[in-house]
């Protein structure tokens, strides 16, 4: 009886798989060839971008100069000889900049996904610092979190043969999830942990079914709710700041792990005798929920005070306008990252405080 049920289940799974593949094939035939090519390119064009052999999990390959895709848009991307994203005003000479280098580090927001370097806040900071006789290196890479930050800072200093005068670390709301769930440390190396079932399922469908990839791409291009606001909300990586269930499940532990990892970055900066600044900023979820007095602000403001380091609350400029205006203007459609206007907004705010603290 058990064998019969098993065989019946296997037949059912097989039939569903065949129907799914047939539907996917049929839908793919109906999609214009140009769009199919674009989706296929989006799957493969980042091949060769990352070095996945390094101890701190991943980094950019050096000497890149190409177009990259984010959502439905293409944007220019370049990395310097040391593997840091680069562009106009960024440092290019480690020897000449040995005693005047600023490290800016963070994740995809700091890297500047979807935006050309000159329009990112890091690119604007590079020009602002250059005018003051300092030289910026952008160490930010998508997928980074505090368990990686201190390792990347150390690796960057060794790679360039210098120690920075300043470190400005942009702590993302998702960093708490990353440190609690996504990454594990073993034997001096960082490994990706097991992501949630929903994230694994979406990734599998996107990689293996053209029709699903099309739906997800169209969703990112055309997403629109709340009367025209088109930023993505209700994200499992960011809603923890106002969701008690997430706080109890993993975020409280994530804050503790993140704090311990950030302390290692501060310790490195003290060893180098450099100035350390911690910056926090909101995701669309915080804007949509009106989470101005966020635990992401309160927790890290107190932590920075206890550590004796500078702190910048960059939530503030995103709460000056209505939430619909902010989400529509400063965040990419169907996404959580900033537009060029969003990068300009955070640059103006952060730079006014960095300049005042000199």
C-alpha atoms as a PDB file:
ATOM      1  CA  UNK A   1       0.000   0.000   0.000  1.00  0.00           C
ATOM      2  CA  UNK A   2       2.782   2.405   0.895  1.00  0.00           C
ATOM      3  CA  UNK A   3       4.603   1.596  -2.364  1.00  0.00           C
ATOM      4  CA  UNK A   4       1.395   2.246  -4.325  1.00  0.00           C
ATOM      5  CA  UNK A   5       0.976   5.653  -2.696  1.00  0.00           C
ATOM      6  CA  UNK A   6       4.611   6.468  -3.415  1.00  0.00           C
ATOM      7  CA  UNK A   7       4.276   5.502  -7.079  1.00  0.00           C
ATOM      8  CA  UNK A   8       1.084   7.561  -7.343  1.00  0.00           C
ATOM      9  CA  UNK A   9       2.839  10.565  -5.822  1.00  0.00           C
ATOM     10  CA  UNK A  10       5.787  10.173  -8.198  1.00  0.00           C
ATOM     11  CA  UNK A  11       3.431  10.017 -11.190  1.00  0.00           C
ATOM     12  CA  UNK A  12       1.639  13.144 -10.013  1.00  0.00           C
ATOM     13  CA  UNK A  13       4.920  15.031  -9.556  1.00  0.00           C
ATOM     14  CA  UNK A  14       6.056  13.884 -12.992  1.00  0.00           C
ATOM     15  CA  UNK A  15       2.838  15.039 -14.664  1.00  0.00           C
ATOM     16  CA  UNK A  16       3.031  18.430 -12.937  1.00  0.00           C
ATOM     17  CA  UNK A  17       6.679  18.832 -13.989  1.00  0.00           C
ATOM     18  CA  UNK A  18       5.882  17.977 -17.632  1.00  0.00           C
ATOM     19  CA  UNK A  19       2.927  20.378 -17.734  1.00  0.00           C
ATOM     20  CA  UNK A  20       4.987  23.137 -16.107  1.00  0.00           C
ATOM     21  CA  UNK A  21       7.845  22.730 -18.573  1.00  0.00           C
ATOM     22  CA  UNK A  22       5.409  22.623 -21.499  1.00  0.00           C
ATOM     23  CA  UNK A  23       3.690  25.805 -20.351  1.00  0.00           C
ATOM     24  CA  UNK A  24       7.038  27.507 -19.814  1.00  0.00           C
ATOM     25  CA  UNK A  25       8.156  26.478 -23.308  1.00  0.00           C
ATOM     26  CA  UNK A  26       4.890  27.733 -24.809  1.00  0.00           C
ATOM     27  CA  UNK A  27       5.061  31.055 -23.012  1.00  0.00           C
ATOM     28  CA  UNK A  28       8.694  31.478 -24.020  1.00  0.00           C
ATOM     29  CA  UNK A  29       7.760  30.963 -27.680  1.00  0.00           C
ATOM     30  CA  UNK A  30       5.201  33.745 -27.365  1.00  0.00           C
ATOM     31  CA  UNK A  31       7.724  36.206 -25.948  1.00  0.00           C
ATOM     32  CA  UNK A  32       9.448  38.393 -28.565  1.00  0.00           C
ATOM     33  CA  UNK A  33      12.986  37.196 -29.261  1.00  0.00           C
ATOM     34  CA  UNK A  34      14.486  40.506 -28.142  1.00  0.00           C
ATOM     35  CA  UNK A  35      12.940  40.182 -24.678  1.00  0.00           C
ATOM     36  CA  UNK A  36      14.029  36.542 -24.376  1.00  0.00           C
ATOM     37  CA  UNK A  37      17.572  37.601 -25.251  1.00  0.00           C
ATOM     38  CA  UNK A  38      17.460  40.351 -22.642  1.00  0.00           C
ATOM     39  CA  UNK A  39      16.310  37.939 -19.929  1.00  0.00           C
ATOM     40  CA  UNK A  40      18.966  35.391 -20.896  1.00  0.00           C
ATOM     41  CA  UNK A  41      21.588  38.137 -20.841  1.00  0.00           C
ATOM     42  CA  UNK A  42      20.457  39.234 -17.392  1.00  0.00           C
ATOM     43  CA  UNK A  43      21.139  35.709 -16.156  1.00  0.00           C
ATOM     44  CA  UNK A  44      24.672  35.546 -17.496  1.00  0.00           C
ATOM     45  CA  UNK A  45      26.099  39.035 -17.899  1.00  0.00           C
ATOM     46  CA  UNK A  46      27.415  39.150 -14.326  1.00  0.00           C
ATOM     47  CA  UNK A  47      29.563  36.100 -15.034  1.00  0.00           C
ATOM     48  CA  UNK A  48      33.157  37.181 -14.505  1.00  0.00           C
ATOM     49  CA  UNK A  49      32.197  40.130 -12.287  1.00  0.00           C
ATOM     50  CA  UNK A  50      32.972  38.443  -8.977  1.00  0.00           C
ATOM     51  CA  UNK A  51      35.926  36.649  -7.450  1.00  0.00           C
ATOM     52  CA  UNK A  52      34.358  33.855  -5.391  1.00  0.00           C
ATOM     53  CA  UNK A  53      37.611  32.288  -4.207  1.00  0.00           C
ATOM     54  CA  UNK A  54      38.494  34.752  -1.473  1.00  0.00           C
ATOM     55  CA  UNK A  55      38.152  34.217   2.271  1.00  0.00           C
ATOM     56  CA  UNK A  56      35.622  37.031   2.795  1.00  0.00           C
ATOM     57  CA  UNK A  57      33.191  35.315   0.392  1.00  0.00           C
ATOM     58  CA  UNK A  58      33.164  37.529  -2.722  1.00  0.00           C
ATOM     59  CA  UNK A  59      34.680  40.603  -4.294  1.00  0.00           C
ATOM     60  CA  UNK A  60      34.860  42.321  -7.672  1.00  0.00           C
ATOM     61  CA  UNK A  61      37.337  41.203 -10.263  1.00  0.00           C
ATOM     62  CA  UNK A  62      39.885  43.981 -10.947  1.00  0.00           C
ATOM     63  CA  UNK A  63      40.062  45.973 -14.171  1.00  0.00           C
ATOM     64  CA  UNK A  64      36.427  45.652 -15.269  1.00  0.00           C
ATOM     65  CA  UNK A  65      34.811  48.096 -17.687  1.00  0.00           C
ATOM     66  CA  UNK A  66      31.420  47.024 -18.952  1.00  0.00           C
ATOM     67  CA  UNK A  67      27.671  47.559 -18.898  1.00  0.00           C
ATOM     68  CA  UNK A  68      25.646  45.841 -16.198  1.00  0.00           C
ATOM     69  CA  UNK A  69      21.922  45.317 -15.885  1.00  0.00           C
ATOM     70  CA  UNK A  70      19.744  46.101 -12.904  1.00  0.00           C
ATOM     71  CA  UNK A  71      16.045  45.489 -13.488  1.00  0.00           C
ATOM     72  CA  UNK A  72      15.266  46.754 -16.962  1.00  0.00           C
ATOM     73  CA  UNK A  73      18.128  49.251 -17.126  1.00  0.00           C
ATOM     74  CA  UNK A  74      21.743  49.080 -18.208  1.00  0.00           C
ATOM     75  CA  UNK A  75      24.403  51.159 -16.493  1.00  0.00           C
ATOM     76  CA  UNK A  76      28.199  51.505 -16.801  1.00  0.00           C
ATOM     77  CA  UNK A  77      30.372  49.681 -14.293  1.00  0.00           C
ATOM     78  CA  UNK A  78      34.128  49.768 -13.764  1.00  0.00           C
ATOM     79  CA  UNK A  79      36.493  48.383 -11.137  1.00  0.00           C
ATOM     80  CA  UNK A  80      40.027  49.616 -10.485  1.00  0.00           C
ATOM     81  CA  UNK A  81      43.259  47.621 -10.324  1.00  0.00           C
ATOM     82  CA  UNK A  82      42.481  46.566  -6.752  1.00  0.00           C
ATOM     83  CA  UNK A  83      38.927  45.424  -7.503  1.00  0.00           C
ATOM     84  CA  UNK A  84      36.963  48.397  -6.099  1.00  0.00           C
ATOM     85  CA  UNK A  85      34.152  50.089  -8.015  1.00  0.00           C
ATOM     86  CA  UNK A  86      35.577  53.234  -9.523  1.00  0.00           C
ATOM     87  CA  UNK A  87      34.843  56.282 -11.631  1.00  0.00           C
ATOM     88  CA  UNK A  88      35.501  60.008 -11.844  1.00  0.00           C
ATOM     89  CA  UNK A  89      37.148  61.450  -8.697  1.00  0.00           C
ATOM     90  CA  UNK A  90      37.901  58.047  -7.139  1.00  0.00           C
ATOM     91  CA  UNK A  91      41.442  57.264  -6.026  1.00  0.00           C
ATOM     92  CA  UNK A  92      43.632  55.520  -8.594  1.00  0.00           C
ATOM     93  CA  UNK A  93      47.145  55.841  -7.127  1.00  0.00           C
ATOM     94  CA  UNK A  94      47.747  53.991  -3.861  1.00  0.00           C
ATOM     95  CA  UNK A  95      51.294  55.327  -3.519  1.00  0.00           C
ATOM     96  CA  UNK A  96      50.314  58.981  -3.954  1.00  0.00           C
ATOM     97  CA  UNK A  97      47.247  58.552  -1.731  1.00  0.00           C
ATOM     98  CA  UNK A  98      48.948  56.564   1.016  1.00  0.00           C
ATOM     99  CA  UNK A  99      48.369  59.118   3.788  1.00  0.00           C
ATOM    100  CA  UNK A 100      45.098  60.608   2.585  1.00  0.00           C
ATOM    101  CA  UNK A 101      42.790  57.716   1.750  1.00  0.00           C
ATOM    102  CA  UNK A 102      39.171  57.394   2.872  1.00  0.00           C
ATOM    103  CA  UNK A 103      37.492  53.968   2.857  1.00  0.00           C
ATOM    104  CA  UNK A 104      33.732  53.940   2.294  1.00  0.00           C
ATOM    105  CA  UNK A 105      32.182  50.516   2.861  1.00  0.00           C
ATOM    106  CA  UNK A 106      28.720  48.963   2.790  1.00  0.00           C
ATOM    107  CA  UNK A 107      26.580  46.670   0.670  1.00  0.00           C
ATOM    108  CA  UNK A 108      24.607  47.131  -2.557  1.00  0.00           C
ATOM    109  CA  UNK A 109      23.480  50.652  -1.593  1.00  0.00           C
ATOM    110  CA  UNK A 110      27.110  51.697  -1.196  1.00  0.00           C
ATOM    111  CA  UNK A 111      28.155  49.876  -4.353  1.00  0.00           C
ATOM    112  CA  UNK A 112      25.376  51.830  -6.095  1.00  0.00           C
ATOM    113  CA  UNK A 113      23.392  49.146  -7.905  1.00  0.00           C
ATOM    114  CA  UNK A 114      21.646  50.418 -11.022  1.00  0.00           C
ATOM    115  CA  UNK A 115      23.288  53.871 -11.012  1.00  0.00           C
ATOM    116  CA  UNK A 116      26.431  55.111 -12.731  1.00  0.00           C
ATOM    117  CA  UNK A 117      29.301  55.769 -10.334  1.00  0.00           C
ATOM    118  CA  UNK A 118      29.246  59.545 -10.712  1.00  0.00           C
ATOM    119  CA  UNK A 119      25.586  59.653  -9.600  1.00  0.00           C
ATOM    120  CA  UNK A 120      26.032  57.412  -6.541  1.00  0.00           C
ATOM    121  CA  UNK A 121      26.543  58.916  -3.108  1.00  0.00           C
ATOM    122  CA  UNK A 122      29.979  57.258  -3.016  1.00  0.00           C
ATOM    123  CA  UNK A 123      30.900  58.865  -6.339  1.00  0.00           C
ATOM    124  CA  UNK A 124      29.770  62.254  -5.080  1.00  0.00           C
ATOM    125  CA  UNK A 125      31.713  61.728  -1.855  1.00  0.00           C
ATOM    126  CA  UNK A 126      34.788  60.938  -3.945  1.00  0.00           C
ATOM    127  CA  UNK A 127      34.602  64.360  -5.604  1.00  0.00           C
ATOM    128  CA  UNK A 128      33.843  66.137  -2.313  1.00  0.00           C
ATOM    129  CA  UNK A 129      36.797  64.502  -0.573  1.00  0.00           C
ATOM    130  CA  UNK A 130      39.071  65.162  -3.550  1.00  0.00           C
ATOM    131  CA  UNK A 131      38.324  68.871  -3.208  1.00  0.00           C
ATOM    132  CA  UNK A 132      39.620  68.575   0.379  1.00  0.00           C
ATOM    133  CA  UNK A 133      42.811  66.830  -0.692  1.00  0.00           C
ATOM    134  CA  UNK A 134      41.616  63.325   0.261  1.00  0.00           C
ATOM    135  CA  UNK A 135      41.163  60.235  -1.911  1.00  0.00           C
ATOM    136  CA  UNK A 136      38.195  57.856  -1.691  1.00  0.00           C
ATOM    137  CA  UNK A 137      38.043  54.119  -2.351  1.00  0.00           C
ATOM    138  CA  UNK A 138      34.587  52.536  -2.506  1.00  0.00           C
ATOM    139  CA  UNK A 139      34.796  49.118  -0.848  1.00  0.00           C
ATOM    140  CA  UNK A 140      31.041  48.455  -1.062  1.00  0.00           C
ATOM    141  CA  UNK A 141      29.778  45.301  -2.792  1.00  0.00           C
ATOM    142  CA  UNK A 142      26.271  43.881  -3.057  1.00  0.00           C
ATOM    143  CA  UNK A 143      25.714  41.097  -0.554  1.00  0.00           C
ATOM    144  CA  UNK A 144      28.173  42.398   2.037  1.00  0.00           C
ATOM    145  CA  UNK A 145      27.344  42.642   5.748  1.00  0.00           C
ATOM    146  CA  UNK A 146      29.293  43.317   8.976  1.00  0.00           C
ATOM    147  CA  UNK A 147      30.718  39.786   9.136  1.00  0.00           C
ATOM    148  CA  UNK A 148      32.464  40.708   5.859  1.00  0.00           C
ATOM    149  CA  UNK A 149      33.124  44.430   6.438  1.00  0.00           C
ATOM    150  CA  UNK A 150      36.048  44.100   8.833  1.00  0.00           C
ATOM    151  CA  UNK A 151      37.647  41.434   6.638  1.00  0.00           C
ATOM    152  CA  UNK A 152      37.241  43.589   3.529  1.00  0.00           C
ATOM    153  CA  UNK A 153      38.724  46.604   5.309  1.00  0.00           C
ATOM    154  CA  UNK A 154      41.773  44.604   6.335  1.00  0.00           C
ATOM    155  CA  UNK A 155      42.148  43.016   2.887  1.00  0.00           C
ATOM    156  CA  UNK A 156      41.849  46.426   1.204  1.00  0.00           C
ATOM    157  CA  UNK A 157      44.541  47.947   3.404  1.00  0.00           C
ATOM    158  CA  UNK A 158      46.876  45.032   2.686  1.00  0.00           C
ATOM    159  CA  UNK A 159      46.100  45.080  -1.033  1.00  0.00           C
ATOM    160  CA  UNK A 160      46.808  48.801  -1.337  1.00  0.00           C
ATOM    161  CA  UNK A 161      49.725  48.858   1.096  1.00  0.00           C
ATOM    162  CA  UNK A 162      48.226  51.664   3.198  1.00  0.00           C
ATOM    163  CA  UNK A 163      45.955  52.391   6.127  1.00  0.00           C
ATOM    164  CA  UNK A 164      43.017  54.783   5.710  1.00  0.00           C
ATOM    165  CA  UNK A 165      42.707  58.132   7.384  1.00  0.00           C
ATOM    166  CA  UNK A 166      38.927  57.728   7.648  1.00  0.00           C
ATOM    167  CA  UNK A 167      36.409  54.861   7.458  1.00  0.00           C
ATOM    168  CA  UNK A 168      32.748  55.639   6.734  1.00  0.00           C
ATOM    169  CA  UNK A 169      30.603  52.528   7.168  1.00  0.00           C
ATOM    170  CA  UNK A 170      27.028  52.532   5.820  1.00  0.00           C
ATOM    171  CA  UNK A 171      25.072  49.979   7.846  1.00  0.00           C
ATOM    172  CA  UNK A 172      22.129  48.576   5.908  1.00  0.00           C
ATOM    173  CA  UNK A 173      18.829  47.468   7.463  1.00  0.00           C
ATOM    174  CA  UNK A 174      19.336  44.079   5.776  1.00  0.00           C
ATOM    175  CA  UNK A 175      22.750  43.629   7.417  1.00  0.00           C
ATOM    176  CA  UNK A 176      21.072  42.311  10.555  1.00  0.00           C
ATOM    177  CA  UNK A 177      19.379  39.530   8.580  1.00  0.00           C
ATOM    178  CA  UNK A 178      22.566  38.777   6.658  1.00  0.00           C
ATOM    179  CA  UNK A 179      24.637  38.352   9.812  1.00  0.00           C
ATOM    180  CA  UNK A 180      21.915  36.363  11.590  1.00  0.00           C
ATOM    181  CA  UNK A 181      20.831  34.103   8.711  1.00  0.00           C
ATOM    182  CA  UNK A 182      22.816  34.355   5.493  1.00  0.00           C
ATOM    183  CA  UNK A 183      26.467  33.945   6.481  1.00  0.00           C
ATOM    184  CA  UNK A 184      28.430  31.533   8.617  1.00  0.00           C
ATOM    185  CA  UNK A 185      32.114  31.693   9.540  1.00  0.00           C
ATOM    186  CA  UNK A 186      34.254  28.574   9.575  1.00  0.00           C
ATOM    187  CA  UNK A 187      38.022  28.178   9.549  1.00  0.00           C
ATOM    188  CA  UNK A 188      38.643  31.852   8.828  1.00  0.00           C
ATOM    189  CA  UNK A 189      36.363  31.883   5.768  1.00  0.00           C
ATOM    190  CA  UNK A 190      32.835  33.178   5.201  1.00  0.00           C
ATOM    191  CA  UNK A 191      30.261  30.839   3.689  1.00  0.00           C
ATOM    192  CA  UNK A 192      26.691  31.453   2.589  1.00  0.00           C
ATOM    193  CA  UNK A 193      24.266  29.818   4.996  1.00  0.00           C
ATOM    194  CA  UNK A 194      20.950  28.294   4.038  1.00  0.00           C
ATOM    195  CA  UNK A 195      18.500  30.998   2.888  1.00  0.00           C
ATOM    196  CA  UNK A 196      14.799  30.786   3.621  1.00  0.00           C
ATOM    197  CA  UNK A 197      12.609  28.467   1.558  1.00  0.00           C
ATOM    198  CA  UNK A 198      10.874  31.373  -0.168  1.00  0.00           C
ATOM    199  CA  UNK A 199      14.159  32.924  -1.294  1.00  0.00           C
ATOM    200  CA  UNK A 200      15.460  29.561  -2.531  1.00  0.00           C
ATOM    201  CA  UNK A 201      12.200  28.878  -4.378  1.00  0.00           C
ATOM    202  CA  UNK A 202      12.177  32.238  -6.169  1.00  0.00           C
ATOM    203  CA  UNK A 203      15.831  31.850  -7.120  1.00  0.00           C
ATOM    204  CA  UNK A 204      15.212  28.349  -8.520  1.00  0.00           C
ATOM    205  CA  UNK A 205      12.191  29.446 -10.555  1.00  0.00           C
ATOM    206  CA  UNK A 206      13.965  32.528 -11.890  1.00  0.00           C
ATOM    207  CA  UNK A 207      17.003  30.537 -12.988  1.00  0.00           C
ATOM    208  CA  UNK A 208      15.148  27.638 -14.534  1.00  0.00           C
ATOM    209  CA  UNK A 209      11.913  28.983 -16.036  1.00  0.00           C
ATOM    210  CA  UNK A 210      11.913  31.697 -18.689  1.00  0.00           C
ATOM    211  CA  UNK A 211       8.267  32.579 -18.048  1.00  0.00           C
ATOM    212  CA  UNK A 212       8.944  33.135 -14.337  1.00  0.00           C
ATOM    213  CA  UNK A 213      11.977  35.273 -15.183  1.00  0.00           C
ATOM    214  CA  UNK A 214       9.769  37.338 -17.508  1.00  0.00           C
ATOM    215  CA  UNK A 215       7.072  37.818 -14.853  1.00  0.00           C
ATOM    216  CA  UNK A 216       9.645  38.909 -12.277  1.00  0.00           C
ATOM    217  CA  UNK A 217      11.273  41.316 -14.719  1.00  0.00           C
ATOM    218  CA  UNK A 218       7.909  42.801 -15.714  1.00  0.00           C
ATOM    219  CA  UNK A 219       6.993  43.094 -12.029  1.00  0.00           C
ATOM    220  CA  UNK A 220      10.130  45.112 -11.398  1.00  0.00           C
ATOM    221  CA  UNK A 221       9.483  47.327 -14.422  1.00  0.00           C
ATOM    222  CA  UNK A 222       5.778  47.878 -13.935  1.00  0.00           C
ATOM    223  CA  UNK A 223       5.242  47.496 -10.198  1.00  0.00           C
ATOM    224  CA  UNK A 224       2.975  50.192  -8.899  1.00  0.00           C
ATOM    225  CA  UNK A 225       0.813  50.496  -5.812  1.00  0.00           C
ATOM    226  CA  UNK A 226      -0.326  53.027  -3.196  1.00  0.00           C
ATOM    227  CA  UNK A 227      -1.388  55.569  -5.823  1.00  0.00           C
ATOM    228  CA  UNK A 228       1.726  55.589  -7.963  1.00  0.00           C
ATOM    229  CA  UNK A 229       4.434  54.767  -5.438  1.00  0.00           C
ATOM    230  CA  UNK A 230       6.512  52.043  -7.052  1.00  0.00           C
ATOM    231  CA  UNK A 231       9.172  51.066  -4.545  1.00  0.00           C
ATOM    232  CA  UNK A 232       9.066  47.529  -3.194  1.00  0.00           C
ATOM    233  CA  UNK A 233       7.746  47.075   0.344  1.00  0.00           C
ATOM    234  CA  UNK A 234       7.021  44.199   2.759  1.00  0.00           C
ATOM    235  CA  UNK A 235      10.512  42.767   2.422  1.00  0.00           C
ATOM    236  CA  UNK A 236      11.614  40.050   4.826  1.00  0.00           C
ATOM    237  CA  UNK A 237      15.072  41.609   5.080  1.00  0.00           C
ATOM    238  CA  UNK A 238      13.819  44.975   6.339  1.00  0.00           C
ATOM    239  CA  UNK A 239      10.436  44.720   8.044  1.00  0.00           C
ATOM    240  CA  UNK A 240      12.003  43.432  11.277  1.00  0.00           C
ATOM    241  CA  UNK A 241      12.349  46.981  12.637  1.00  0.00           C
ATOM    242  CA  UNK A 242       8.587  47.184  13.237  1.00  0.00           C
ATOM    243  CA  UNK A 243       7.546  43.498  13.251  1.00  0.00           C
ATOM    244  CA  UNK A 244       7.750  41.887  16.717  1.00  0.00           C
ATOM    245  CA  UNK A 245       7.580  38.344  15.294  1.00  0.00           C
ATOM    246  CA  UNK A 246      10.727  38.944  13.223  1.00  0.00           C
ATOM    247  CA  UNK A 247      12.439  40.551  16.188  1.00  0.00           C
ATOM    248  CA  UNK A 248      11.735  37.500  18.323  1.00  0.00           C
ATOM    249  CA  UNK A 249      12.579  34.993  15.587  1.00  0.00           C
ATOM    250  CA  UNK A 250      15.987  36.289  14.523  1.00  0.00           C
ATOM    251  CA  UNK A 251      16.511  40.063  14.635  1.00  0.00           C
ATOM    252  CA  UNK A 252      17.387  40.333  18.330  1.00  0.00           C
ATOM    253  CA  UNK A 253      20.139  37.772  17.860  1.00  0.00           C
ATOM    254  CA  UNK A 254      21.098  39.460  14.571  1.00  0.00           C
ATOM    255  CA  UNK A 255      21.615  42.787  16.317  1.00  0.00           C
ATOM    256  CA  UNK A 256      23.967  41.166  18.815  1.00  0.00           C
ATOM    257  CA  UNK A 257      25.961  39.363  16.105  1.00  0.00           C
ATOM    258  CA  UNK A 258      26.095  42.509  13.982  1.00  0.00           C
ATOM    259  CA  UNK A 259      27.294  44.600  16.925  1.00  0.00           C
ATOM    260  CA  UNK A 260      30.121  42.159  17.633  1.00  0.00           C
ATOM    261  CA  UNK A 261      31.184  42.182  13.988  1.00  0.00           C
ATOM    262  CA  UNK A 262      31.027  45.980  13.727  1.00  0.00           C
ATOM    263  CA  UNK A 263      33.203  46.260  16.821  1.00  0.00           C
ATOM    264  CA  UNK A 264      35.931  44.461  14.854  1.00  0.00           C
ATOM    265  CA  UNK A 265      35.793  47.166  12.173  1.00  0.00           C
ATOM    266  CA  UNK A 266      36.061  49.847  14.854  1.00  0.00           C
ATOM    267  CA  UNK A 267      39.011  48.019  16.423  1.00  0.00           C
ATOM    268  CA  UNK A 268      40.798  47.960  13.065  1.00  0.00           C
ATOM    269  CA  UNK A 269      40.248  51.691  12.656  1.00  0.00           C
ATOM    270  CA  UNK A 270      41.642  52.337  16.136  1.00  0.00           C
ATOM    271  CA  UNK A 271      44.659  50.227  15.298  1.00  0.00           C
ATOM    272  CA  UNK A 272      45.164  52.368  12.204  1.00  0.00           C
ATOM    273  CA  UNK A 273      44.469  55.592  14.180  1.00  0.00           C
ATOM    274  CA  UNK A 274      41.733  56.578  11.752  1.00  0.00           C
ATOM    275  CA  UNK A 275      38.353  58.284  12.222  1.00  0.00           C
ATOM    276  CA  UNK A 276      35.312  55.979  12.119  1.00  0.00           C
ATOM    277  CA  UNK A 277      31.780  57.063  11.205  1.00  0.00           C
ATOM    278  CA  UNK A 278      28.674  54.832  11.237  1.00  0.00           C
ATOM    279  CA  UNK A 279      25.736  55.794   8.990  1.00  0.00           C
ATOM    280  CA  UNK A 280      22.236  54.254   8.990  1.00  0.00           C
ATOM    281  CA  UNK A 281      19.472  54.848   6.432  1.00  0.00           C
ATOM    282  CA  UNK A 282      15.981  53.484   5.693  1.00  0.00           C
ATOM    283  CA  UNK A 283      14.533  51.014   3.220  1.00  0.00           C
ATOM    284  CA  UNK A 284      11.119  51.576   1.599  1.00  0.00           C
ATOM    285  CA  UNK A 285       9.552  49.495   4.388  1.00  0.00           C
ATOM    286  CA  UNK A 286      10.599  52.035   7.021  1.00  0.00           C
ATOM    287  CA  UNK A 287       9.218  54.888   4.892  1.00  0.00           C
ATOM    288  CA  UNK A 288       5.940  53.087   4.233  1.00  0.00           C
ATOM    289  CA  UNK A 289       5.469  52.182   7.913  1.00  0.00           C
ATOM    290  CA  UNK A 290       6.379  55.670   9.166  1.00  0.00           C
ATOM    291  CA  UNK A 291       9.204  54.071  11.154  1.00  0.00           C
ATOM    292  CA  UNK A 292      11.098  57.296  11.793  1.00  0.00           C
ATOM    293  CA  UNK A 293      11.946  56.489  15.412  1.00  0.00           C
ATOM    294  CA  UNK A 294      13.279  53.151  14.229  1.00  0.00           C
ATOM    295  CA  UNK A 295      15.147  50.624  16.320  1.00  0.00           C
ATOM    296  CA  UNK A 296      17.723  50.740  13.499  1.00  0.00           C
ATOM    297  CA  UNK A 297      18.395  54.345  14.526  1.00  0.00           C
ATOM    298  CA  UNK A 298      18.042  54.012  18.305  1.00  0.00           C
ATOM    299  CA  UNK A 299      20.052  50.818  18.692  1.00  0.00           C
ATOM    300  CA  UNK A 300      23.004  51.977  16.594  1.00  0.00           C
ATOM    301  CA  UNK A 301      23.031  55.507  17.960  1.00  0.00           C
ATOM    302  CA  UNK A 302      23.457  54.027  21.457  1.00  0.00           C
ATOM    303  CA  UNK A 303      26.001  51.512  20.195  1.00  0.00           C
ATOM    304  CA  UNK A 304      28.076  54.220  18.485  1.00  0.00           C
ATOM    305  CA  UNK A 305      28.032  56.338  21.650  1.00  0.00           C
ATOM    306  CA  UNK A 306      29.247  53.365  23.696  1.00  0.00           C
ATOM    307  CA  UNK A 307      31.997  52.705  21.152  1.00  0.00           C
ATOM    308  CA  UNK A 308      32.998  56.377  21.022  1.00  0.00           C
ATOM    309  CA  UNK A 309      32.531  56.699  17.258  1.00  0.00           C
ATOM    310  CA  UNK A 310      30.646  59.224  15.138  1.00  0.00           C
ATOM    311  CA  UNK A 311      27.064  58.422  14.135  1.00  0.00           C
ATOM    312  CA  UNK A 312      24.885  59.824  11.329  1.00  0.00           C
ATOM    313  CA  UNK A 313      21.131  59.260  11.320  1.00  0.00           C
ATOM    314  CA  UNK A 314      20.383  59.404   7.581  1.00  0.00           C
ATOM    315  CA  UNK A 315      16.743  58.409   8.115  1.00  0.00           C
ATOM    316  CA  UNK A 316      15.977  62.090   8.618  1.00  0.00           C
ATOM    317  CA  UNK A 317      16.053  63.401   5.006  1.00  0.00           C
ATOM    318  CA  UNK A 318      13.762  60.591   3.819  1.00  0.00           C
ATOM    319  CA  UNK A 319      10.988  61.728   6.177  1.00  0.00           C
ATOM    320  CA  UNK A 320      10.791  65.342   5.022  1.00  0.00           C
ATOM    321  CA  UNK A 321       8.251  64.615   2.265  1.00  0.00           C
ATOM    322  CA  UNK A 322       5.155  62.432   2.037  1.00  0.00           C
ATOM    323  CA  UNK A 323       5.874  58.723   1.875  1.00  0.00           C
ATOM    324  CA  UNK A 324       4.420  58.421  -1.637  1.00  0.00           C
ATOM    325  CA  UNK A 325       6.691  61.204  -2.897  1.00  0.00           C
ATOM    326  CA  UNK A 326       9.735  59.652  -1.232  1.00  0.00           C
ATOM    327  CA  UNK A 327       9.063  56.139  -2.491  1.00  0.00           C
ATOM    328  CA  UNK A 328       8.332  57.304  -6.033  1.00  0.00           C
ATOM    329  CA  UNK A 329      11.268  59.698  -6.369  1.00  0.00           C
ATOM    330  CA  UNK A 330      14.117  58.260  -4.346  1.00  0.00           C
ATOM    331  CA  UNK A 331      13.747  54.489  -4.863  1.00  0.00           C
ATOM    332  CA  UNK A 332      14.016  52.444  -8.062  1.00  0.00           C
ATOM    333  CA  UNK A 333      10.711  51.120  -9.414  1.00  0.00           C
ATOM    334  CA  UNK A 334       9.834  47.707  -7.979  1.00  0.00           C
ATOM    335  CA  UNK A 335      13.048  47.704  -5.982  1.00  0.00           C
ATOM    336  CA  UNK A 336      14.513  48.833  -2.653  1.00  0.00           C
ATOM    337  CA  UNK A 337      17.611  50.668  -3.911  1.00  0.00           C
ATOM    338  CA  UNK A 338      18.004  54.360  -4.567  1.00  0.00           C
ATOM    339  CA  UNK A 339      17.601  56.259  -7.793  1.00  0.00           C
ATOM    340  CA  UNK A 340      20.156  58.922  -8.682  1.00  0.00           C
ATOM    341  CA  UNK A 341      17.929  61.381  -6.783  1.00  0.00           C
ATOM    342  CA  UNK A 342      18.028  59.128  -3.729  1.00  0.00           C
ATOM    343  CA  UNK A 343      21.815  58.971  -3.882  1.00  0.00           C
ATOM    344  CA  UNK A 344      21.950  62.752  -4.178  1.00  0.00           C
ATOM    345  CA  UNK A 345      19.649  63.120  -1.167  1.00  0.00           C
ATOM    346  CA  UNK A 346      21.769  60.932   1.103  1.00  0.00           C
ATOM    347  CA  UNK A 347      25.017  62.466  -0.162  1.00  0.00           C
ATOM    348  CA  UNK A 348      23.839  65.993   0.632  1.00  0.00           C
ATOM    349  CA  UNK A 349      22.780  64.969   4.137  1.00  0.00           C
ATOM    350  CA  UNK A 350      25.759  62.794   5.018  1.00  0.00           C
ATOM    351  CA  UNK A 351      28.364  65.125   3.537  1.00  0.00           C
ATOM    352  CA  UNK A 352      27.017  68.102   5.488  1.00  0.00           C
ATOM    353  CA  UNK A 353      27.640  66.133   8.676  1.00  0.00           C
ATOM    354  CA  UNK A 354      30.975  64.649   7.654  1.00  0.00           C
ATOM    355  CA  UNK A 355      32.203  68.108   6.687  1.00  0.00           C
ATOM    356  CA  UNK A 356      31.006  69.597   9.971  1.00  0.00           C
ATOM    357  CA  UNK A 357      32.853  66.934  11.973  1.00  0.00           C
ATOM    358  CA  UNK A 358      36.298  67.680  10.493  1.00  0.00           C
END
